[in-house]
Amino acid sequence: MLHFTKISTQGRDFNLIASGALAFKIHNKILKDESFTTSTSVNRNMLVGSVPARKATSDKKSVFFVIISDLDRIDTESLCQMIKAERAKGSYAVCQVIPMYYNELSFKALKMLRQNFDEVLELSKLNLGGGKVLMSMEQQHCLMTDYVLSMARIMFHVCASSAIPAKTVEERIEEPVFA
């Protein structure tokens, strides 16, 4: 099941999509972060196939951040079709994959994601400093959660801050530069 959330601020939409148990936990943690609750409106939705239960996006450009933890359990094709249609409108889409299983279905799904998203980041077997792999899955999940949350904050702030009105941008250009 795909969980879809649209966070709107300053006339811009930041779309967060999660699939899988760990991804849903991260999704909820992101929505509780104060960076996403200050001066924003949040609309939660479900994706049925690749179509949101109610109209989620308009014809304007948006930013999509997708978190997937159970790669072989989702209908990757329908998600990719939706993202492909949104990218045709000029939207930007990033996918972070936290693979729980490595099998043929996962590899095929990853290939399809790489073809349809602007960026696909695969998080697995994280290590610290000297290359020692973390043994405890719980430690790995905590580290992944913090990394994904940081990435979501960065993308959201870039999305929100790029909504500067044209007049403000022109005023900045017209200011004299002193050497």
N, C-alpha and C. Protein backbone atom coordinates (compact mmCIF):
# COMPACT_ATOMS: atom_id res chain seq x y z
N MET A 1 0.83 -1.17 0.00
CA MET A 1 0.00 0.00 0.00
C MET A 1 0.89 1.25 0.00
N LEU A 2 0.54 2.22 -0.80
CA LEU A 2 1.29 3.45 -0.91
C LEU A 2 0.60 4.55 -0.11
N HIS A 3 1.34 5.21 0.74
CA HIS A 3 0.83 6.33 1.54
C HIS A 3 1.32 7.61 0.91
N PHE A 4 0.41 8.50 0.55
CA PHE A 4 0.72 9.71 -0.18
C PHE A 4 0.37 10.92 0.68
N THR A 5 1.31 11.85 0.84
CA THR A 5 1.07 13.06 1.61
C THR A 5 1.57 14.26 0.80
N LYS A 6 0.71 15.27 0.69
CA LYS A 6 1.10 16.51 0.01
C LYS A 6 1.27 17.59 1.07
N ILE A 7 2.47 18.17 1.13
CA ILE A 7 2.76 19.26 2.07
C ILE A 7 2.90 20.52 1.23
N SER A 8 2.04 21.49 1.47
CA SER A 8 2.05 22.72 0.68
C SER A 8 2.54 23.88 1.53
N THR A 9 3.42 24.68 0.95
CA THR A 9 3.91 25.89 1.60
C THR A 9 4.32 26.89 0.53
N GLN A 10 4.00 28.13 0.74
CA GLN A 10 4.37 29.22 -0.17
C GLN A 10 4.00 28.91 -1.62
N GLY A 11 2.87 28.26 -1.82
CA GLY A 11 2.43 27.97 -3.18
C GLY A 11 3.14 26.83 -3.86
N ARG A 12 3.96 26.09 -3.14
CA ARG A 12 4.69 24.95 -3.69
C ARG A 12 4.24 23.68 -3.01
N ASP A 13 4.26 22.57 -3.75
CA ASP A 13 3.87 21.27 -3.19
C ASP A 13 5.09 20.37 -3.05
N PHE A 14 5.19 19.76 -1.88
CA PHE A 14 6.20 18.74 -1.62
C PHE A 14 5.43 17.46 -1.37
N ASN A 15 5.61 16.46 -2.22
CA ASN A 15 4.84 15.21 -2.14
C ASN A 15 5.71 14.11 -1.56
N LEU A 16 5.19 13.48 -0.52
CA LEU A 16 5.89 12.42 0.18
C LEU A 16 5.11 11.13 -0.02
N ILE A 17 5.76 10.10 -0.54
CA ILE A 17 5.12 8.81 -0.78
C ILE A 17 5.93 7.75 -0.06
N ALA A 18 5.24 6.86 0.66
CA ALA A 18 5.92 5.79 1.40
C ALA A 18 5.28 4.44 1.09
N SER A 19 6.12 3.42 1.00
CA SER A 19 5.64 2.06 0.79
C SER A 19 6.47 1.10 1.64
N GLY A 20 5.79 0.32 2.44
CA GLY A 20 6.46 -0.65 3.30
C GLY A 20 6.42 -0.21 4.75
N ALA A 21 6.59 -1.16 5.66
CA ALA A 21 6.47 -0.89 7.09
C ALA A 21 7.50 0.12 7.58
N LEU A 22 8.77 -0.08 7.27
CA LEU A 22 9.80 0.85 7.73
C LEU A 22 9.62 2.22 7.08
N ALA A 23 9.28 2.24 5.79
CA ALA A 23 9.04 3.51 5.08
C ALA A 23 7.87 4.27 5.71
N PHE A 24 6.82 3.56 6.11
CA PHE A 24 5.68 4.22 6.74
C PHE A 24 6.06 4.82 8.09
N LYS A 25 6.91 4.13 8.86
CA LYS A 25 7.38 4.67 10.14
C LYS A 25 8.19 5.95 9.90
N ILE A 26 9.05 5.94 8.89
CA ILE A 26 9.85 7.12 8.56
C ILE A 26 8.93 8.24 8.08
N HIS A 27 7.94 7.90 7.27
CA HIS A 27 6.95 8.86 6.76
C HIS A 27 6.27 9.58 7.92
N ASN A 28 5.84 8.83 8.91
CA ASN A 28 5.18 9.43 10.08
C ASN A 28 6.14 10.29 10.89
N LYS A 29 7.40 9.85 11.01
CA LYS A 29 8.38 10.63 11.74
C LYS A 29 8.66 11.95 11.02
N ILE A 30 8.70 11.92 9.70
CA ILE A 30 8.90 13.14 8.92
C ILE A 30 7.76 14.11 9.18
N LEU A 31 6.52 13.61 9.15
CA LEU A 31 5.36 14.48 9.32
C LEU A 31 5.27 15.07 10.72
N LYS A 32 5.89 14.43 11.71
CA LYS A 32 5.89 14.96 13.08
C LYS A 32 7.00 15.97 13.31
N ASP A 33 7.97 16.04 12.38
CA ASP A 33 9.08 16.97 12.52
C ASP A 33 8.58 18.40 12.35
N GLU A 34 9.06 19.31 13.19
CA GLU A 34 8.56 20.69 13.17
C GLU A 34 8.90 21.42 11.87
N SER A 35 9.89 20.98 11.14
CA SER A 35 10.22 21.59 9.85
C SER A 35 9.04 21.49 8.88
N PHE A 36 8.26 20.41 9.01
CA PHE A 36 7.16 20.16 8.09
C PHE A 36 5.81 20.64 8.63
N THR A 37 5.76 21.04 9.90
CA THR A 37 4.49 21.47 10.47
C THR A 37 4.34 22.98 10.53
N THR A 38 5.43 23.72 10.42
CA THR A 38 5.39 25.17 10.52
C THR A 38 4.92 25.78 9.20
N SER A 39 3.88 26.56 9.25
CA SER A 39 3.28 27.30 8.12
C SER A 39 3.09 26.44 6.87
N THR A 40 2.60 25.23 7.06
CA THR A 40 2.31 24.35 5.93
C THR A 40 0.91 23.78 6.09
N SER A 41 0.37 23.29 4.99
CA SER A 41 -0.87 22.53 5.06
C SER A 41 -0.54 21.12 4.59
N VAL A 42 -1.05 20.12 5.31
CA VAL A 42 -0.74 18.73 5.03
C VAL A 42 -2.02 18.00 4.63
N ASN A 43 -2.00 17.34 3.48
CA ASN A 43 -3.11 16.52 3.02
C ASN A 43 -2.63 15.09 2.87
N ARG A 44 -3.20 14.18 3.66
CA ARG A 44 -2.82 12.77 3.56
C ARG A 44 -3.78 12.07 2.63
N ASN A 45 -3.27 11.08 1.92
CA ASN A 45 -4.04 10.41 0.90
C ASN A 45 -3.51 9.00 0.71
N MET A 46 -4.25 8.18 0.04
CA MET A 46 -3.81 6.83 -0.29
C MET A 46 -3.74 6.72 -1.81
N LEU A 47 -2.82 5.95 -2.29
CA LEU A 47 -2.73 5.70 -3.72
C LEU A 47 -3.37 4.35 -4.01
N VAL A 48 -4.34 4.35 -4.89
CA VAL A 48 -4.97 3.12 -5.33
C VAL A 48 -4.42 2.85 -6.71
N GLY A 49 -3.57 1.84 -6.82
CA GLY A 49 -2.82 1.64 -8.06
C GLY A 49 -1.83 2.79 -8.17
N SER A 50 -1.93 3.60 -9.21
CA SER A 50 -1.07 4.76 -9.34
C SER A 50 -1.86 6.05 -9.19
N VAL A 51 -3.16 5.94 -8.88
CA VAL A 51 -4.03 7.11 -8.83
C VAL A 51 -4.38 7.42 -7.38
N PRO A 52 -4.15 8.67 -6.93
CA PRO A 52 -4.55 9.03 -5.58
C PRO A 52 -6.07 8.91 -5.41
N ALA A 53 -6.51 8.58 -4.20
CA ALA A 53 -7.93 8.42 -3.93
C ALA A 53 -8.68 9.72 -4.23
N ARG A 54 -8.07 10.87 -3.99
CA ARG A 54 -8.61 12.16 -4.42
C ARG A 54 -7.50 12.91 -5.13
N LYS A 55 -7.86 13.89 -5.96
CA LYS A 55 -6.89 14.64 -6.76
C LYS A 55 -5.79 15.19 -5.86
N ALA A 56 -4.55 14.80 -6.12
CA ALA A 56 -3.44 15.18 -5.25
C ALA A 56 -2.57 16.27 -5.84
N THR A 57 -2.41 16.28 -7.15
CA THR A 57 -1.54 17.27 -7.76
C THR A 57 -2.27 18.00 -8.87
N SER A 58 -1.78 19.16 -9.19
CA SER A 58 -2.35 19.93 -10.30
C SER A 58 -1.39 19.84 -11.48
N ASP A 59 -1.55 20.74 -12.43
CA ASP A 59 -0.68 20.72 -13.60
C ASP A 59 0.63 21.47 -13.36
N LYS A 60 0.84 21.96 -12.13
CA LYS A 60 2.08 22.69 -11.87
C LYS A 60 3.20 21.72 -11.44
N LYS A 61 4.42 22.23 -11.49
CA LYS A 61 5.58 21.43 -11.11
C LYS A 61 5.55 21.15 -9.61
N SER A 62 5.95 19.96 -9.25
CA SER A 62 6.01 19.57 -7.84
C SER A 62 7.29 18.79 -7.58
N VAL A 63 7.57 18.57 -6.32
CA VAL A 63 8.71 17.76 -5.91
C VAL A 63 8.15 16.49 -5.27
N PHE A 64 8.67 15.33 -5.67
CA PHE A 64 8.23 14.05 -5.13
C PHE A 64 9.39 13.39 -4.42
N PHE A 65 9.16 12.95 -3.18
CA PHE A 65 10.15 12.21 -2.41
C PHE A 65 9.50 10.89 -2.02
N VAL A 66 10.02 9.80 -2.56
CA VAL A 66 9.43 8.48 -2.37
C VAL A 66 10.38 7.64 -1.52
N ILE A 67 9.82 7.00 -0.48
CA ILE A 67 10.59 6.11 0.38
C ILE A 67 9.99 4.72 0.25
N ILE A 68 10.82 3.75 -0.10
CA ILE A 68 10.33 2.38 -0.29
C ILE A 68 11.19 1.44 0.55
N SER A 69 10.51 0.64 1.40
CA SER A 69 11.27 -0.34 2.18
C SER A 69 10.95 -1.78 1.78
N ASP A 70 9.76 -2.04 1.29
CA ASP A 70 9.40 -3.39 0.85
C ASP A 70 9.27 -3.38 -0.66
N LEU A 71 10.39 -3.40 -1.33
CA LEU A 71 10.45 -3.17 -2.77
C LEU A 71 9.67 -4.20 -3.58
N ASP A 72 9.73 -5.46 -3.19
CA ASP A 72 9.05 -6.47 -3.99
C ASP A 72 7.57 -6.62 -3.67
N ARG A 73 7.06 -5.82 -2.74
CA ARG A 73 5.65 -5.93 -2.38
C ARG A 73 4.79 -4.83 -2.98
N ILE A 74 5.37 -3.92 -3.71
CA ILE A 74 4.56 -2.85 -4.28
C ILE A 74 4.39 -3.04 -5.77
N ASP A 75 3.42 -2.37 -6.30
CA ASP A 75 3.22 -2.38 -7.74
C ASP A 75 4.10 -1.27 -8.31
N THR A 76 5.34 -1.60 -8.57
CA THR A 76 6.33 -0.62 -9.01
C THR A 76 5.94 0.02 -10.33
N GLU A 77 5.33 -0.75 -11.22
CA GLU A 77 4.95 -0.21 -12.53
C GLU A 77 3.98 0.94 -12.40
N SER A 78 2.96 0.80 -11.56
CA SER A 78 1.97 1.87 -11.44
C SER A 78 2.57 3.12 -10.80
N LEU A 79 3.43 2.94 -9.81
CA LEU A 79 4.11 4.09 -9.19
C LEU A 79 4.98 4.79 -10.24
N CYS A 80 5.72 4.02 -11.02
CA CYS A 80 6.59 4.60 -12.05
C CYS A 80 5.78 5.33 -13.12
N GLN A 81 4.61 4.81 -13.47
CA GLN A 81 3.76 5.50 -14.46
C GLN A 81 3.31 6.86 -13.93
N MET A 82 2.93 6.92 -12.65
CA MET A 82 2.51 8.19 -12.06
C MET A 82 3.68 9.18 -12.05
N ILE A 83 4.86 8.72 -11.64
CA ILE A 83 6.04 9.59 -11.58
C ILE A 83 6.44 10.04 -12.99
N LYS A 84 6.34 9.14 -13.95
CA LYS A 84 6.67 9.49 -15.33
C LYS A 84 5.76 10.61 -15.83
N ALA A 85 4.45 10.51 -15.53
CA ALA A 85 3.49 11.55 -15.93
C ALA A 85 3.80 12.87 -15.23
N GLU A 86 4.17 12.81 -13.95
CA GLU A 86 4.50 14.04 -13.21
C GLU A 86 5.79 14.66 -13.73
N ARG A 87 6.78 13.85 -14.07
CA ARG A 87 8.04 14.38 -14.61
C ARG A 87 7.81 15.03 -15.96
N ALA A 88 6.83 14.54 -16.73
CA ALA A 88 6.51 15.15 -18.02
C ALA A 88 5.99 16.58 -17.83
N LYS A 89 5.42 16.87 -16.67
CA LYS A 89 4.93 18.23 -16.34
C LYS A 89 6.06 19.12 -15.84
N GLY A 90 7.24 18.55 -15.63
CA GLY A 90 8.38 19.31 -15.14
C GLY A 90 8.66 19.09 -13.66
N SER A 91 8.01 18.12 -13.06
CA SER A 91 8.23 17.81 -11.65
C SER A 91 9.56 17.10 -11.46
N TYR A 92 10.03 17.07 -10.21
CA TYR A 92 11.30 16.42 -9.87
C TYR A 92 11.01 15.30 -8.88
N ALA A 93 11.56 14.11 -9.11
CA ALA A 93 11.24 12.96 -8.27
C ALA A 93 12.51 12.25 -7.81
N VAL A 94 12.58 12.03 -6.49
CA VAL A 94 13.70 11.32 -5.87
C VAL A 94 13.13 10.12 -5.13
N CYS A 95 13.78 8.98 -5.25
CA CYS A 95 13.34 7.77 -4.57
C CYS A 95 14.48 7.25 -3.70
N GLN A 96 14.17 6.97 -2.44
CA GLN A 96 15.14 6.31 -1.56
C GLN A 96 14.60 4.91 -1.27
N VAL A 97 15.42 3.92 -1.57
CA VAL A 97 15.03 2.53 -1.40
C VAL A 97 15.82 1.92 -0.26
N ILE A 98 15.10 1.31 0.67
CA ILE A 98 15.73 0.58 1.78
C ILE A 98 15.39 -0.89 1.55
N PRO A 99 16.22 -1.61 0.80
CA PRO A 99 15.87 -2.99 0.45
C PRO A 99 15.91 -3.91 1.65
N MET A 100 14.82 -4.64 1.84
CA MET A 100 14.75 -5.62 2.92
C MET A 100 15.14 -7.01 2.40
N TYR A 101 14.91 -7.24 1.13
CA TYR A 101 15.21 -8.54 0.52
C TYR A 101 15.96 -8.31 -0.78
N TYR A 102 16.84 -9.22 -1.11
CA TYR A 102 17.51 -9.17 -2.40
C TYR A 102 17.08 -10.40 -3.19
N ASN A 103 16.27 -10.16 -4.21
CA ASN A 103 15.83 -11.24 -5.08
C ASN A 103 15.59 -10.67 -6.47
N GLU A 104 15.17 -11.50 -7.39
CA GLU A 104 15.00 -11.06 -8.77
C GLU A 104 13.95 -9.96 -8.90
N LEU A 105 12.85 -10.06 -8.14
CA LEU A 105 11.82 -9.02 -8.19
C LEU A 105 12.36 -7.67 -7.74
N SER A 106 13.18 -7.68 -6.70
CA SER A 106 13.78 -6.44 -6.21
C SER A 106 14.69 -5.81 -7.25
N PHE A 107 15.51 -6.63 -7.91
CA PHE A 107 16.43 -6.10 -8.92
C PHE A 107 15.67 -5.52 -10.11
N LYS A 108 14.60 -6.19 -10.53
CA LYS A 108 13.78 -5.68 -11.64
C LYS A 108 13.09 -4.37 -11.24
N ALA A 109 12.59 -4.32 -10.01
CA ALA A 109 11.92 -3.10 -9.53
C ALA A 109 12.92 -1.94 -9.44
N LEU A 110 14.13 -2.20 -8.96
CA LEU A 110 15.16 -1.16 -8.89
C LEU A 110 15.51 -0.63 -10.28
N LYS A 111 15.61 -1.52 -11.24
CA LYS A 111 15.91 -1.10 -12.61
C LYS A 111 14.80 -0.19 -13.14
N MET A 112 13.56 -0.54 -12.89
CA MET A 112 12.43 0.27 -13.34
C MET A 112 12.41 1.63 -12.64
N LEU A 113 12.72 1.65 -11.34
CA LEU A 113 12.77 2.91 -10.61
C LEU A 113 13.85 3.82 -11.18
N ARG A 114 15.01 3.26 -11.48
CA ARG A 114 16.12 4.07 -12.01
C ARG A 114 15.77 4.69 -13.37
N GLN A 115 14.91 4.02 -14.13
CA GLN A 115 14.52 4.52 -15.44
C GLN A 115 13.48 5.64 -15.35
N ASN A 116 12.72 5.70 -14.25
CA ASN A 116 11.60 6.63 -14.18
C ASN A 116 11.76 7.78 -13.18
N PHE A 117 12.72 7.71 -12.29
CA PHE A 117 12.95 8.76 -11.31
C PHE A 117 14.17 9.58 -11.70
N ASP A 118 14.23 10.82 -11.22
CA ASP A 118 15.41 11.65 -11.46
C ASP A 118 16.61 11.09 -10.69
N GLU A 119 16.37 10.69 -9.45
CA GLU A 119 17.42 10.12 -8.59
C GLU A 119 16.86 8.92 -7.86
N VAL A 120 17.63 7.84 -7.77
CA VAL A 120 17.27 6.67 -6.96
C VAL A 120 18.47 6.38 -6.06
N LEU A 121 18.25 6.49 -4.76
CA LEU A 121 19.30 6.24 -3.78
C LEU A 121 18.98 4.95 -3.04
N GLU A 122 19.90 4.01 -3.08
CA GLU A 122 19.70 2.73 -2.41
C GLU A 122 20.47 2.74 -1.09
N LEU A 123 19.73 2.60 -0.01
CA LEU A 123 20.35 2.57 1.32
C LEU A 123 20.41 1.13 1.79
N SER A 124 21.61 0.63 1.96
CA SER A 124 21.75 -0.72 2.50
C SER A 124 23.14 -0.91 3.04
N LYS A 125 23.26 -1.80 3.98
CA LYS A 125 24.56 -2.13 4.57
C LYS A 125 25.38 -0.89 4.90
N LEU A 126 24.78 -0.02 5.68
CA LEU A 126 25.47 1.20 6.07
C LEU A 126 26.64 0.87 6.99
N ASN A 127 27.72 1.64 6.84
CA ASN A 127 28.85 1.44 7.74
C ASN A 127 29.29 2.78 8.30
N LEU A 128 30.03 2.71 9.35
CA LEU A 128 30.52 3.92 10.01
C LEU A 128 32.03 3.98 9.93
N GLY A 129 32.56 5.17 9.67
CA GLY A 129 33.99 5.43 9.74
C GLY A 129 34.88 4.44 9.03
N GLY A 130 35.47 3.54 9.79
CA GLY A 130 36.49 2.64 9.29
C GLY A 130 35.99 1.53 8.42
N GLY A 131 34.75 1.55 7.98
CA GLY A 131 34.25 0.53 7.09
C GLY A 131 33.63 -0.66 7.80
N LYS A 132 33.47 -0.58 9.13
CA LYS A 132 32.86 -1.68 9.86
C LYS A 132 31.35 -1.61 9.67
N VAL A 133 30.77 -2.68 9.14
CA VAL A 133 29.33 -2.73 8.88
C VAL A 133 28.59 -2.87 10.21
N LEU A 134 27.53 -2.10 10.36
CA LEU A 134 26.72 -2.22 11.58
C LEU A 134 26.05 -3.59 11.60
N MET A 135 26.15 -4.27 12.71
CA MET A 135 25.60 -5.62 12.80
C MET A 135 24.12 -5.62 13.14
N SER A 136 23.71 -4.78 14.04
CA SER A 136 22.33 -4.80 14.49
C SER A 136 21.42 -4.14 13.46
N MET A 137 20.38 -4.85 13.04
CA MET A 137 19.42 -4.29 12.09
C MET A 137 18.76 -3.05 12.68
N GLU A 138 18.53 -3.06 13.99
CA GLU A 138 17.90 -1.91 14.64
C GLU A 138 18.78 -0.67 14.51
N GLN A 139 20.10 -0.84 14.68
CA GLN A 139 21.02 0.29 14.51
C GLN A 139 21.00 0.79 13.07
N GLN A 140 20.96 -0.13 12.13
CA GLN A 140 20.90 0.25 10.73
C GLN A 140 19.63 1.04 10.45
N HIS A 141 18.49 0.57 10.96
CA HIS A 141 17.22 1.25 10.71
C HIS A 141 17.21 2.64 11.33
N CYS A 142 17.78 2.80 12.53
CA CYS A 142 17.85 4.12 13.16
C CYS A 142 18.68 5.07 12.31
N LEU A 143 19.83 4.59 11.83
CA LEU A 143 20.70 5.41 11.01
C LEU A 143 20.02 5.78 9.69
N MET A 144 19.34 4.80 9.07
CA MET A 144 18.62 5.06 7.83
C MET A 144 17.51 6.07 8.05
N THR A 145 16.79 5.93 9.17
CA THR A 145 15.70 6.85 9.48
C THR A 145 16.22 8.27 9.58
N ASP A 146 17.31 8.47 10.30
CA ASP A 146 17.90 9.80 10.44
C ASP A 146 18.37 10.35 9.10
N TYR A 147 18.96 9.51 8.28
CA TYR A 147 19.45 9.94 6.97
C TYR A 147 18.29 10.36 6.08
N VAL A 148 17.23 9.55 6.04
CA VAL A 148 16.07 9.86 5.19
C VAL A 148 15.38 11.13 5.68
N LEU A 149 15.27 11.29 7.00
CA LEU A 149 14.66 12.50 7.55
C LEU A 149 15.47 13.74 7.16
N SER A 150 16.78 13.66 7.24
CA SER A 150 17.64 14.78 6.84
C SER A 150 17.47 15.09 5.35
N MET A 151 17.43 14.06 4.54
CA MET A 151 17.24 14.24 3.09
C MET A 151 15.89 14.89 2.80
N ALA A 152 14.85 14.47 3.50
CA ALA A 152 13.51 15.04 3.31
C ALA A 152 13.51 16.52 3.70
N ARG A 153 14.17 16.87 4.81
CA ARG A 153 14.25 18.28 5.23
C ARG A 153 14.94 19.12 4.16
N ILE A 154 16.05 18.63 3.65
CA ILE A 154 16.79 19.37 2.63
C ILE A 154 15.92 19.60 1.40
N MET A 155 15.30 18.53 0.91
CA MET A 155 14.45 18.65 -0.28
C MET A 155 13.28 19.59 -0.04
N PHE A 156 12.66 19.51 1.13
CA PHE A 156 11.52 20.37 1.45
C PHE A 156 11.94 21.84 1.50
N HIS A 157 13.05 22.13 2.15
CA HIS A 157 13.50 23.52 2.26
C HIS A 157 13.94 24.09 0.91
N VAL A 158 14.56 23.27 0.08
CA VAL A 158 14.91 23.73 -1.27
C VAL A 158 13.64 23.99 -2.07
N CYS A 159 12.67 23.10 -1.94
CA CYS A 159 11.39 23.26 -2.64
C CYS A 159 10.68 24.53 -2.17
N ALA A 160 10.63 24.76 -0.85
CA ALA A 160 9.93 25.91 -0.29
C ALA A 160 10.67 27.21 -0.59
N SER A 161 11.99 27.20 -0.50
CA SER A 161 12.74 28.44 -0.70
C SER A 161 12.86 28.82 -2.17
N SER A 162 12.64 27.89 -3.08
CA SER A 162 12.71 28.22 -4.50
C SER A 162 11.42 28.88 -4.98
N ALA A 163 10.47 29.06 -4.06
CA ALA A 163 9.20 29.70 -4.42
C ALA A 163 9.26 31.20 -4.17
N ILE A 164 10.42 31.82 -4.42
CA ILE A 164 10.59 33.25 -4.25
C ILE A 164 9.84 33.96 -5.37
N PRO A 165 9.01 34.94 -5.05
CA PRO A 165 8.30 35.67 -6.11
C PRO A 165 9.28 36.34 -7.06
N ALA A 166 8.91 36.45 -8.33
CA ALA A 166 9.80 37.01 -9.36
C ALA A 166 10.22 38.43 -9.02
N LYS A 167 9.34 39.22 -8.42
CA LYS A 167 9.66 40.60 -8.07
C LYS A 167 10.85 40.66 -7.11
N THR A 168 10.88 39.77 -6.14
CA THR A 168 11.97 39.74 -5.18
C THR A 168 13.29 39.38 -5.87
N VAL A 169 13.24 38.44 -6.80
CA VAL A 169 14.43 38.04 -7.53
C VAL A 169 14.96 39.21 -8.35
N GLU A 170 14.07 39.94 -9.04
CA GLU A 170 14.48 41.09 -9.83
C GLU A 170 15.10 42.17 -8.96
N GLU A 171 14.53 42.40 -7.78
CA GLU A 171 15.07 43.40 -6.88
C GLU A 171 16.49 43.03 -6.46
N ARG A 172 16.73 41.75 -6.24
CA ARG A 172 18.08 41.31 -5.87
C ARG A 172 19.07 41.54 -7.01
N ILE A 173 18.63 41.33 -8.22
CA ILE A 173 19.51 41.51 -9.38
C ILE A 173 19.85 42.98 -9.58
N GLU A 174 18.88 43.87 -9.34
CA GLU A 174 19.07 45.29 -9.58
C GLU A 174 19.93 45.97 -8.53
N GLU A 175 20.16 45.35 -7.37
CA GLU A 175 20.97 45.96 -6.34
C GLU A 175 22.41 46.12 -6.85
N PRO A 176 23.02 47.29 -6.60
CA PRO A 176 24.40 47.48 -7.06
C PRO A 176 25.36 46.60 -6.28
N VAL A 177 26.38 46.16 -6.97
CA VAL A 177 27.40 45.31 -6.35
C VAL A 177 28.65 46.17 -6.15
N PHE A 178 29.14 46.19 -4.95
CA PHE A 178 30.35 46.98 -4.63
C PHE A 178 31.53 46.03 -4.45
N ALA A 179 32.60 46.35 -5.11
CA ALA A 179 33.78 45.48 -5.03
C ALA A 179 34.73 45.97 -3.97
